[in-house]
Amino acid sequence: MRPIVVPPNSPSEYFAVWPLPVAQRVIIFAGCLATIYTQFTMSPATVEYARTMGATGVHIGILAALPTGMLFTQFLTAWIATGLRFRRRTWMAVSLVQRTIYLPVAFGPWLVPGLSESFWLWALMFAAAANYGMLHFGSPLWLSWMGDYLPPQGLNRFWGARQLWMQWTAAGTLGLCAVVLLKCGLPIRVAFTGLLCFASLAGVLDILCFIKVHEPPVTASPTIPLAQILAAPFQDRNYRTFIFYSCFWHFAAMLGAPFISLYLLSYIGMDLFQVLILWSLSWIGGAVVSHWVGRFADTYGNRPLLVLCTAFKSVNMLALLLVPPDPAISFWLLIPVLMVDAMLNAGIENANKGFMLLNSPTENRTVFIAAGTALAGMIGCITAIVAGGVLTSLEAYRWSMPTPFGSMLITNFHLLFAFSFLMRLMAVELARWVREPGSILTRNALIAVCGLNQVGAPMLKMIRQVAPSKSSQILLTDDDSTVTEAVRHAA
């Protein structure tokens, strides 16, 4: 197995570099550690922990908005990245601080018991804001690093393999969270503090996994004004359609998604254990299809995968509108619905990553990634905060609607979910407008998947590199196993 060729004077020359197949497995393992951190720090347990400190719908809306609202820091990354030669040190320094940001909040109430619960509630929210701000600051650096390092052939299938393990990890993490919080007899604040400590440990280990992953140098872009660099993604006709879709999709999704756990806890009447188990089981659905969606995107394109998944993403809102306010019945009815929803989430995430990496130029990849996510995230953040305010202002709203099966109580939750349902249906049309060279029509992809017609692999036309020779390496073989490694030359 031949080693990776390391450019002179790069940080990689000071330590051994893993061969590509080993690095792939390390990246997948690191993704599992990152999933543990994410699930412990932003799960229904966090919602319940905030509620014990007096959180209302506005607070929950802000907490749910932060993961997308802080995406604006990616534009700051895009500006800083124009002066970077290597990304590893900047990314690792910011990420290590990010993975330990919750520790002061976790131990604060025990170390300074005299402060009010309102203070610690807002401290939790500020810590969450800092966490997601630094996470999104580092995300374009990491993604552009991976885009330069990983071979483009089979890229979607690699993300699918990574997602497979991350989905199973998420399911196990939430199941463990449910057991620790509700079956060990510990008060939720004590148990949640322990989970935050474990999450920080997993998060730090995730970052350290990348010490020996090869880092190609950043491809220098021509000397052009910063405004022109930032405007490049919006001037690209194909990429612009993806930005429009992403913005509207975040608006439609964030009208209802942030309040699902609160709805199940406060209106349906589920306990926290049921909600955690429900989300844990839903991740299994994503794990089941992760490999498949990667192969689908590599073969037929990211656009048809995006259209298909968006078309069915309104199902969960419809199900939440129709389930009765009975914890036991709703629990069993929502298990298959949320499993299907997780399958669709896996497809959308894979398609988004694949589209951004395969349609962004190497010398300006960080800016394109930021444009594809940050603007949409800010729209989603504003939507969630406004929706949380509406939810709180209509808290006393009740309307009994007659149906053939008896009267149905309509609440503030139902109004938001109904509006989100309609907007999600409208997002399908914008997904159809996304322009992607080399992808095929969605209906043709469905026909091919059903075996009614043979369709080639048009995605190869999109790859902006010379086709590899027989001696070079593709990322994954047909049976999803890694093969011998090619010599990786510096950009």
Protein backbone atom coordinates (compact mmCIF):
# COMPACT_ATOMS: atom_id res chain seq x y z
CA MET A 1 0.00 0.00 0.00
CA ARG A 2 1.65 3.21 -1.15
CA PRO A 3 1.71 6.22 1.17
CA ILE A 4 0.03 9.51 0.44
CA VAL A 5 2.31 12.04 -1.17
CA VAL A 6 2.67 14.93 1.28
CA PRO A 7 3.60 18.37 -0.09
CA PRO A 8 6.78 19.87 1.33
CA ASN A 9 6.50 22.27 4.27
CA SER A 10 2.96 21.14 5.09
CA PRO A 11 1.86 20.37 8.67
CA SER A 12 1.56 16.70 7.65
CA GLU A 13 5.33 16.31 7.29
CA TYR A 14 5.77 16.42 11.07
CA PHE A 15 3.86 13.22 11.75
CA ALA A 16 2.84 10.02 10.00
CA VAL A 17 -0.22 10.18 7.75
CA TRP A 18 -2.79 7.40 7.58
CA PRO A 19 -3.32 5.74 4.17
CA LEU A 20 -6.59 6.71 2.51
CA PRO A 21 -8.58 3.52 3.39
CA VAL A 22 -7.59 3.89 7.06
CA ALA A 23 -8.41 7.60 7.00
CA GLN A 24 -11.88 6.81 5.62
CA ARG A 25 -12.60 4.55 8.58
CA VAL A 26 -11.27 7.16 11.00
CA ILE A 27 -13.53 9.82 9.46
CA ILE A 28 -16.52 7.50 9.89
CA PHE A 29 -15.56 6.74 13.51
CA ALA A 30 -15.12 10.46 14.22
CA GLY A 31 -18.61 11.03 12.80
CA CYS A 32 -19.99 8.60 15.36
CA LEU A 33 -18.26 10.50 18.19
CA ALA A 34 -19.64 13.77 16.83
CA THR A 35 -23.11 12.24 16.80
CA ILE A 36 -22.82 11.30 20.48
CA TYR A 37 -21.90 14.90 21.28
CA THR A 38 -24.77 16.31 19.22
CA GLN A 39 -27.44 13.97 20.55
CA PHE A 40 -26.51 14.53 24.18
CA THR A 41 -26.38 18.31 23.86
CA MET A 42 -29.45 18.93 21.68
CA SER A 43 -32.06 16.24 22.29
CA PRO A 44 -35.52 16.16 23.89
CA ALA A 45 -33.62 15.87 27.18
CA THR A 46 -32.34 19.41 26.63
CA VAL A 47 -35.91 20.61 26.10
CA GLU A 48 -37.02 18.95 29.34
CA TYR A 49 -33.98 20.30 31.21
CA ALA A 50 -34.85 23.81 30.01
CA ARG A 51 -38.48 23.33 31.04
CA THR A 52 -37.41 22.54 34.61
CA MET A 53 -35.84 26.01 34.67
CA GLY A 54 -39.05 27.68 33.46
CA ALA A 55 -38.57 27.68 29.69
CA THR A 56 -41.59 28.70 27.58
CA GLY A 57 -42.36 28.26 23.90
CA VAL A 58 -40.23 31.31 23.11
CA HIS A 59 -37.20 29.81 24.85
CA ILE A 60 -37.71 26.46 23.13
CA GLY A 61 -38.07 28.25 19.79
CA ILE A 62 -34.80 30.12 20.35
CA LEU A 63 -32.98 26.93 21.36
CA ALA A 64 -34.28 25.15 18.29
CA ALA A 65 -33.41 28.13 16.08
CA LEU A 66 -29.77 28.35 17.16
CA PRO A 67 -28.47 25.36 15.10
CA THR A 68 -29.54 27.14 11.93
CA GLY A 69 -29.43 30.74 13.13
CA MET A 70 -25.72 30.65 13.90
CA LEU A 71 -24.94 29.52 10.36
CA PHE A 72 -24.10 33.15 9.54
CA THR A 73 -20.65 32.48 11.05
CA GLN A 74 -19.88 30.48 7.91
CA PHE A 75 -19.58 33.74 5.98
CA LEU A 76 -16.91 34.80 8.49
CA THR A 77 -15.17 31.50 7.80
CA ALA A 78 -15.35 32.11 4.06
CA TRP A 79 -13.61 35.47 4.54
CA ILE A 80 -10.90 34.11 6.86
CA ALA A 81 -10.32 31.06 4.64
CA THR A 82 -9.16 33.29 1.78
CA GLY A 83 -5.94 33.91 3.73
CA LEU A 84 -5.34 30.35 4.97
CA ARG A 85 -2.82 27.95 3.48
CA PHE A 86 -3.90 25.03 5.72
CA ARG A 87 -7.16 24.57 7.61
CA ARG A 88 -6.41 21.92 10.23
CA ARG A 89 -5.00 24.08 13.04
CA THR A 90 -7.69 26.76 12.83
CA TRP A 91 -10.46 24.18 12.68
CA MET A 92 -9.10 22.12 15.58
CA ALA A 93 -8.50 25.13 17.85
CA VAL A 94 -12.04 26.46 17.40
CA SER A 95 -13.61 23.00 17.60
CA LEU A 96 -11.90 22.01 20.85
CA VAL A 97 -13.27 25.13 22.55
CA GLN A 98 -16.69 24.41 21.06
CA ARG A 99 -16.79 20.85 22.39
CA THR A 100 -16.19 22.02 26.00
CA ILE A 101 -18.41 25.12 25.99
CA TYR A 102 -21.24 23.43 27.92
CA LEU A 103 -19.10 22.42 30.92
CA PRO A 104 -19.38 25.79 32.77
CA VAL A 105 -23.17 25.60 32.42
CA ALA A 106 -23.21 21.96 33.52
CA PHE A 107 -21.31 22.61 36.75
CA GLY A 108 -22.36 26.22 37.31
CA PRO A 109 -25.51 25.56 39.39
CA TRP A 110 -23.43 23.36 41.76
CA LEU A 111 -20.49 25.74 42.02
CA VAL A 112 -22.56 28.96 42.31
CA PRO A 113 -25.87 27.88 43.87
CA GLY A 114 -27.02 31.40 44.69
CA LEU A 115 -27.90 32.41 41.14
CA SER A 116 -31.48 32.20 39.87
CA GLU A 117 -32.81 29.53 37.52
CA SER A 118 -33.56 32.24 34.96
CA PHE A 119 -29.86 33.10 34.89
CA TRP A 120 -28.86 29.49 34.21
CA LEU A 121 -31.58 29.13 31.58
CA TRP A 122 -30.14 32.05 29.64
CA ALA A 123 -26.62 30.76 30.31
CA LEU A 124 -27.67 27.50 28.65
CA MET A 125 -28.99 29.42 25.67
CA PHE A 126 -25.83 31.53 25.34
CA ALA A 127 -23.69 28.40 25.61
CA ALA A 128 -25.81 26.79 22.89
CA ALA A 129 -25.36 29.91 20.72
CA ALA A 130 -21.58 29.82 21.19
CA ASN A 131 -21.55 26.06 20.54
CA TYR A 132 -23.37 26.32 17.23
CA GLY A 133 -21.53 29.48 16.21
CA MET A 134 -18.15 27.79 16.55
CA LEU A 135 -19.50 24.55 15.04
CA HIS A 136 -20.64 26.37 11.91
CA PHE A 137 -17.47 28.42 11.80
CA GLY A 138 -15.46 25.23 11.51
CA SER A 139 -17.85 23.29 9.29
CA PRO A 140 -16.86 24.89 5.93
CA LEU A 141 -13.19 24.43 6.80
CA TRP A 142 -13.75 20.74 7.50
CA LEU A 143 -16.01 20.13 4.51
CA SER A 144 -13.68 21.91 2.09
CA TRP A 145 -10.79 19.89 3.55
CA MET A 146 -12.74 16.67 2.95
CA GLY A 147 -13.76 17.86 -0.52
CA ASP A 148 -10.11 18.37 -1.46
CA TYR A 149 -8.92 15.14 0.18
CA LEU A 150 -11.54 12.51 -0.67
CA PRO A 151 -11.75 11.25 -4.29
CA PRO A 152 -14.88 12.51 -6.09
CA GLN A 153 -15.72 9.08 -7.52
CA GLY A 154 -18.08 7.39 -5.07
CA LEU A 155 -18.23 10.47 -2.83
CA ASN A 156 -21.97 10.14 -2.15
CA ARG A 157 -21.56 6.48 -1.28
CA PHE A 158 -18.89 7.38 1.25
CA TRP A 159 -21.22 9.90 2.90
CA GLY A 160 -23.89 7.20 2.87
CA ALA A 161 -21.56 4.78 4.68
CA ARG A 162 -20.68 7.47 7.19
CA GLN A 163 -24.32 8.32 7.71
CA LEU A 164 -25.15 4.65 8.26
CA TRP A 165 -22.89 4.46 11.32
CA MET A 166 -23.90 7.90 12.54
CA GLN A 167 -27.59 6.99 12.40
CA TRP A 168 -27.06 3.80 14.39
CA THR A 169 -24.97 5.77 16.88
CA ALA A 170 -27.73 8.36 17.23
CA ALA A 171 -30.28 5.64 17.93
CA GLY A 172 -28.09 4.05 20.59
CA THR A 173 -27.18 7.41 22.12
CA LEU A 174 -30.77 8.51 22.57
CA GLY A 175 -31.67 5.09 23.99
CA LEU A 176 -28.83 5.41 26.49
CA CYS A 177 -29.94 8.94 27.27
CA ALA A 178 -33.46 7.68 28.04
CA VAL A 179 -32.13 5.00 30.40
CA VAL A 180 -29.77 7.35 32.23
CA LEU A 181 -32.33 10.11 32.68
CA LEU A 182 -35.35 8.10 33.67
CA LYS A 183 -34.35 4.63 34.81
CA CYS A 184 -31.40 5.38 37.12
CA GLY A 185 -33.40 7.31 39.70
CA LEU A 186 -31.28 10.46 39.37
CA PRO A 187 -32.82 13.95 39.21
CA ILE A 188 -32.82 15.22 35.63
CA ARG A 189 -30.38 18.03 36.42
CA VAL A 190 -27.82 15.65 37.92
CA ALA A 191 -28.21 13.12 35.09
CA PHE A 192 -28.12 15.82 32.41
CA THR A 193 -24.91 17.26 33.88
CA GLY A 194 -23.31 13.82 33.62
CA LEU A 195 -24.45 13.49 30.01
CA LEU A 196 -22.93 16.87 29.13
CA CYS A 197 -19.58 15.77 30.56
CA PHE A 198 -19.65 12.55 28.57
CA ALA A 199 -20.70 14.50 25.46
CA SER A 200 -17.73 16.85 25.82
CA LEU A 201 -15.33 13.91 26.12
CA ALA A 202 -16.73 12.30 22.96
CA GLY A 203 -16.59 15.64 21.15
CA VAL A 204 -12.93 16.24 22.00
CA LEU A 205 -11.99 12.73 20.89
CA ASP A 206 -13.81 13.38 17.60
CA ILE A 207 -11.58 16.36 16.86
CA LEU A 208 -8.38 14.54 17.85
CA CYS A 209 -9.19 11.77 15.35
CA PHE A 210 -8.17 14.10 12.52
CA ILE A 211 -4.60 14.71 13.69
CA LYS A 212 -3.19 12.15 11.24
CA VAL A 213 -5.64 12.63 8.36
CA HIS A 214 -3.80 14.12 5.37
CA GLU A 215 -4.55 17.76 4.62
CA PRO A 216 -3.97 19.05 1.08
CA PRO A 217 -3.05 22.75 0.97
CA VAL A 218 -5.76 25.23 0.06
CA THR A 219 -5.83 25.95 -3.65
CA ALA A 220 -4.97 29.63 -3.99
CA SER A 221 -7.63 31.65 -5.78
CA PRO A 222 -6.81 34.54 -8.09
CA THR A 223 -6.44 37.93 -6.43
CA ILE A 224 -9.94 39.34 -6.74
CA PRO A 225 -12.02 41.62 -4.47
CA LEU A 226 -13.64 39.98 -1.45
CA ALA A 227 -17.11 41.11 -2.56
CA GLN A 228 -16.64 39.28 -5.84
CA ILE A 229 -15.52 36.13 -4.00
CA LEU A 230 -18.61 36.19 -1.76
CA ALA A 231 -20.89 36.86 -4.72
CA ALA A 232 -19.56 33.95 -6.78
CA PRO A 233 -22.06 31.29 -5.50
CA PHE A 234 -25.00 33.59 -6.27
CA GLN A 235 -23.68 34.30 -9.76
CA ASP A 236 -23.42 30.60 -10.57
CA ARG A 237 -26.72 29.82 -12.29
CA ASN A 238 -26.85 26.21 -11.17
CA TYR A 239 -25.75 26.82 -7.61
CA ARG A 240 -28.16 29.74 -7.23
CA THR A 241 -31.16 27.47 -7.72
CA PHE A 242 -29.89 25.26 -4.89
CA ILE A 243 -29.56 28.29 -2.59
CA PHE A 244 -33.16 29.34 -3.33
CA TYR A 245 -34.42 25.85 -2.59
CA SER A 246 -32.42 25.57 0.62
CA CYS A 247 -33.69 28.93 1.91
CA PHE A 248 -37.34 28.11 1.31
CA TRP A 249 -36.94 24.60 2.69
CA HIS A 250 -35.52 25.91 5.97
CA PHE A 251 -38.44 28.32 6.23
CA ALA A 252 -40.99 25.54 5.66
CA ALA A 253 -39.31 23.04 7.99
CA MET A 254 -38.65 25.40 10.89
CA LEU A 255 -42.30 26.36 11.15
CA GLY A 256 -43.00 23.03 12.81
CA ALA A 257 -39.89 20.92 13.42
CA PRO A 258 -38.57 22.79 16.50
CA PHE A 259 -41.76 22.15 18.45
CA ILE A 260 -42.34 18.44 17.88
CA SER A 261 -40.78 17.34 21.19
CA LEU A 262 -42.58 20.10 23.09
CA TYR A 263 -45.86 19.05 21.44
CA LEU A 264 -45.38 15.43 22.44
CA LEU A 265 -44.48 16.37 26.01
CA SER A 266 -47.05 19.08 26.69
CA TYR A 267 -50.06 18.31 24.45
CA ILE A 268 -49.93 14.57 23.74
CA GLY A 269 -48.81 13.91 27.32
CA MET A 270 -45.87 11.58 26.67
CA ASP A 271 -43.20 11.36 29.33
CA LEU A 272 -39.59 12.10 28.50
CA PHE A 273 -38.69 8.40 28.34
CA GLN A 274 -41.29 7.79 25.61
CA VAL A 275 -40.12 10.80 23.58
CA LEU A 276 -36.47 9.76 23.77
CA ILE A 277 -37.27 6.18 22.77
CA LEU A 278 -39.44 7.48 19.93
CA TRP A 279 -36.58 9.57 18.51
CA SER A 280 -34.13 6.75 19.13
CA LEU A 281 -36.21 4.33 17.07
CA SER A 282 -36.65 6.92 14.33
CA TRP A 283 -32.90 7.00 13.70
CA ILE A 284 -33.04 3.34 12.73
CA GLY A 285 -35.00 4.36 9.64
CA GLY A 286 -32.17 6.63 8.56
CA ALA A 287 -29.60 3.91 9.16
CA VAL A 288 -31.51 1.45 6.98
CA VAL A 289 -31.39 3.65 3.86
CA SER A 290 -28.09 5.52 4.31
CA HIS A 291 -26.11 3.23 2.01
CA TRP A 292 -28.92 3.19 -0.55
CA VAL A 293 -29.29 6.98 -0.82
CA GLY A 294 -25.54 7.32 -1.39
CA ARG A 295 -25.62 4.84 -4.26
CA PHE A 296 -28.76 6.49 -5.66
CA ALA A 297 -27.14 9.95 -5.69
CA ASP A 298 -23.94 8.64 -7.26
CA THR A 299 -25.89 6.92 -10.02
CA TYR A 300 -28.75 9.29 -10.86
CA GLY A 301 -27.79 12.62 -9.29
CA ASN A 302 -28.38 14.63 -6.14
CA ARG A 303 -31.31 16.55 -7.62
CA PRO A 304 -33.73 13.59 -8.06
CA LEU A 305 -32.88 12.43 -4.53
CA LEU A 306 -33.63 15.92 -3.24
CA VAL A 307 -36.98 16.03 -5.06
CA LEU A 308 -38.09 12.61 -3.85
CA CYS A 309 -37.22 13.23 -0.21
CA THR A 310 -38.74 16.71 -0.13
CA ALA A 311 -41.95 15.38 -1.69
CA PHE A 312 -42.63 13.15 1.31
CA LYS A 313 -41.27 15.36 4.10
CA SER A 314 -44.72 16.78 4.82
CA VAL A 315 -45.95 13.37 6.02
CA ASN A 316 -44.70 13.87 9.57
CA MET A 317 -46.59 17.18 9.93
CA LEU A 318 -49.77 15.50 8.69
CA ALA A 319 -49.33 12.64 11.15
CA LEU A 320 -48.83 15.05 14.07
CA LEU A 321 -52.05 16.81 13.09
CA LEU A 322 -54.02 13.57 13.13
CA VAL A 323 -52.69 11.61 16.13
CA PRO A 324 -54.97 11.63 19.18
CA PRO A 325 -53.86 13.20 22.48
CA ASP A 326 -53.28 9.74 23.94
CA PRO A 327 -49.63 8.97 24.82
CA ALA A 328 -49.83 5.21 24.31
CA ILE A 329 -51.68 5.29 20.98
CA SER A 330 -49.65 8.21 19.59
CA PHE A 331 -46.38 6.53 20.58
CA TRP A 332 -47.07 3.45 18.46
CA LEU A 333 -48.58 5.42 15.57
CA LEU A 334 -45.62 7.80 15.34
CA ILE A 335 -42.87 5.15 15.38
CA PRO A 336 -43.21 4.23 11.64
CA VAL A 337 -43.89 7.86 10.69
CA LEU A 338 -40.73 9.17 12.31
CA MET A 339 -38.68 6.25 10.97
CA VAL A 340 -39.76 7.20 7.43
CA ASP A 341 -39.03 10.84 8.26
CA ALA A 342 -35.48 9.89 9.31
CA MET A 343 -35.05 8.07 5.99
CA LEU A 344 -36.02 11.26 4.18
CA ASN A 345 -33.67 13.32 6.35
CA ALA A 346 -30.80 10.98 5.44
CA GLY A 347 -31.56 11.47 1.76
CA ILE A 348 -31.75 15.26 1.99
CA GLU A 349 -28.53 15.49 4.00
CA ASN A 350 -26.67 13.25 1.57
CA ALA A 351 -27.97 15.15 -1.44
CA ASN A 352 -27.04 18.51 0.10
CA LYS A 353 -23.47 17.45 0.88
CA GLY A 354 -23.02 15.82 -2.51
CA PHE A 355 -24.40 18.80 -4.41
CA MET A 356 -22.26 21.35 -2.57
CA LEU A 357 -19.00 19.41 -2.87
CA LEU A 358 -19.46 18.36 -6.50
CA ASN A 359 -20.66 21.77 -7.70
CA SER A 360 -18.19 24.02 -5.91
CA PRO A 361 -14.80 24.99 -7.39
CA THR A 362 -11.76 23.89 -5.39
CA GLU A 363 -10.30 27.37 -5.03
CA ASN A 364 -13.58 28.82 -3.68
CA ARG A 365 -15.20 25.81 -2.03
CA THR A 366 -15.49 27.34 1.46
CA VAL A 367 -17.51 30.28 0.17
CA PHE A 368 -19.83 28.03 -1.84
CA ILE A 369 -20.47 25.80 1.18
CA ALA A 370 -21.22 28.82 3.35
CA ALA A 371 -23.62 30.25 0.76
CA GLY A 372 -25.39 26.90 0.45
CA THR A 373 -26.15 26.69 4.16
CA ALA A 374 -25.67 29.99 6.01
CA LEU A 375 -28.32 32.13 4.35
CA ALA A 376 -30.86 29.33 4.61
CA GLY A 377 -29.92 28.84 8.26
CA MET A 378 -30.53 32.47 9.11
CA ILE A 379 -33.97 32.29 7.49
CA GLY A 380 -34.71 29.13 9.46
CA CYS A 381 -33.59 30.81 12.68
CA ILE A 382 -35.88 33.82 12.22
CA THR A 383 -38.72 31.47 11.30
CA ALA A 384 -38.29 29.35 14.45
CA ILE A 385 -38.12 32.38 16.78
CA VAL A 386 -41.19 34.00 15.23
CA ALA A 387 -43.05 30.67 15.29
CA GLY A 388 -42.12 30.23 18.96
CA GLY A 389 -43.52 33.67 19.71
CA VAL A 390 -46.74 32.83 17.86
CA LEU A 391 -46.97 29.53 19.74
CA THR A 392 -46.70 31.33 23.09
CA SER A 393 -49.13 34.13 22.16
CA LEU A 394 -51.77 31.59 21.07
CA GLU A 395 -51.27 29.34 24.09
CA ALA A 396 -54.86 29.80 25.21
CA TYR A 397 -56.26 29.14 21.72
CA ARG A 398 -58.67 26.18 21.58
CA TRP A 399 -61.17 25.31 18.86
CA SER A 400 -63.25 22.17 18.63
CA MET A 401 -63.71 21.04 15.02
CA PRO A 402 -66.36 18.39 14.25
CA THR A 403 -65.19 15.36 12.22
CA PRO A 404 -66.84 12.08 11.14
CA PHE A 405 -64.97 10.40 14.02
CA GLY A 406 -65.99 12.96 16.65
CA SER A 407 -64.80 16.42 17.59
CA MET A 408 -61.12 17.31 17.18
CA LEU A 409 -59.43 19.89 19.38
CA ILE A 410 -57.39 22.43 17.40
CA THR A 411 -54.58 24.18 19.31
CA ASN A 412 -51.70 26.55 18.60
CA PHE A 413 -49.51 23.55 17.74
CA HIS A 414 -51.96 22.39 15.07
CA LEU A 415 -51.97 25.80 13.39
CA LEU A 416 -48.18 25.81 13.07
CA PHE A 417 -48.03 22.21 11.87
CA ALA A 418 -50.74 22.84 9.26
CA PHE A 419 -48.89 25.88 7.88
CA SER A 420 -45.62 23.95 7.84
CA PHE A 421 -47.38 21.11 5.97
CA LEU A 422 -48.50 23.48 3.20
CA MET A 423 -45.11 25.17 2.89
CA ARG A 424 -43.33 21.81 2.66
CA LEU A 425 -45.53 20.84 -0.24
CA MET A 426 -44.59 24.08 -1.99
CA ALA A 427 -40.88 23.34 -1.45
CA VAL A 428 -41.16 20.34 -3.77
CA GLU A 429 -41.53 22.66 -6.76
CA LEU A 430 -38.38 24.56 -5.83
CA ALA A 431 -36.53 21.25 -5.50
CA ARG A 432 -37.58 20.45 -9.06
CA TRP A 433 -36.06 23.76 -10.21
CA VAL A 434 -32.60 22.90 -8.86
CA ARG A 435 -30.16 22.72 -11.78
CA GLU A 436 -27.55 19.98 -11.63
CA PRO A 437 -25.46 19.05 -14.68
CA GLY A 438 -25.46 15.31 -15.25
CA SER A 439 -28.49 14.40 -13.14
CA ILE A 440 -31.57 12.88 -14.71
CA LEU A 441 -35.27 13.54 -14.32
CA THR A 442 -36.79 12.26 -11.11
CA ARG A 443 -39.36 10.12 -12.90
CA ASN A 444 -36.62 8.48 -14.98
CA ALA A 445 -34.66 7.73 -11.81
CA LEU A 446 -37.75 6.09 -10.30
CA ILE A 447 -38.29 4.03 -13.44
CA ALA A 448 -34.68 2.88 -13.34
CA VAL A 449 -34.86 2.01 -9.63
CA CYS A 450 -37.97 -0.07 -10.27
CA GLY A 451 -36.05 -2.00 -12.94
CA LEU A 452 -38.28 -0.87 -15.82
CA ASN A 453 -35.45 0.76 -17.74
CA GLN A 454 -31.65 0.82 -17.63
CA VAL A 455 -30.11 4.24 -16.99
CA GLY A 456 -26.41 4.95 -16.90
CA ALA A 457 -24.46 6.82 -14.27
CA PRO A 458 -24.70 10.44 -15.41
CA MET A 459 -23.05 11.84 -12.29
CA LEU A 460 -19.63 11.05 -13.73
CA LYS A 461 -20.16 13.97 -16.10
CA MET A 462 -20.26 16.33 -13.14
CA ILE A 463 -16.89 15.45 -11.65
CA ARG A 464 -14.54 18.28 -12.45
CA GLN A 465 -11.45 16.14 -12.64
CA VAL A 466 -9.82 13.92 -15.23
CA ALA A 467 -11.14 10.36 -15.07
CA PRO A 468 -8.77 8.14 -13.04
CA SER A 469 -6.63 5.53 -14.72
CA LYS A 470 -6.93 1.84 -13.97
CA SER A 471 -4.16 2.12 -11.44
CA SER A 472 -5.85 4.89 -9.51
CA GLN A 473 -8.29 4.53 -6.69
CA ILE A 474 -12.00 5.12 -6.55
CA LEU A 475 -13.45 5.72 -3.13
CA LEU A 476 -15.57 2.60 -2.80
CA THR A 477 -16.06 -0.53 -4.87
CA ASP A 478 -19.42 -1.90 -5.96
CA ASP A 479 -19.69 -3.88 -2.76
CA ASP A 480 -18.88 -0.78 -0.66
CA SER A 481 -15.49 -2.04 0.46
CA THR A 482 -12.31 -0.02 0.23
CA VAL A 483 -9.68 -1.09 -2.26
CA THR A 484 -6.04 -0.28 -2.83
CA GLU A 485 -5.07 3.34 -2.56
CA ALA A 486 -3.89 5.66 -5.27
CA VAL A 487 -1.07 8.14 -4.95
CA ARG A 488 -2.64 11.43 -3.77
CA HIS A 489 -0.78 14.36 -5.31
CA ALA A 490 -0.94 17.79 -3.75
CA ALA A 491 -3.17 20.35 -5.42
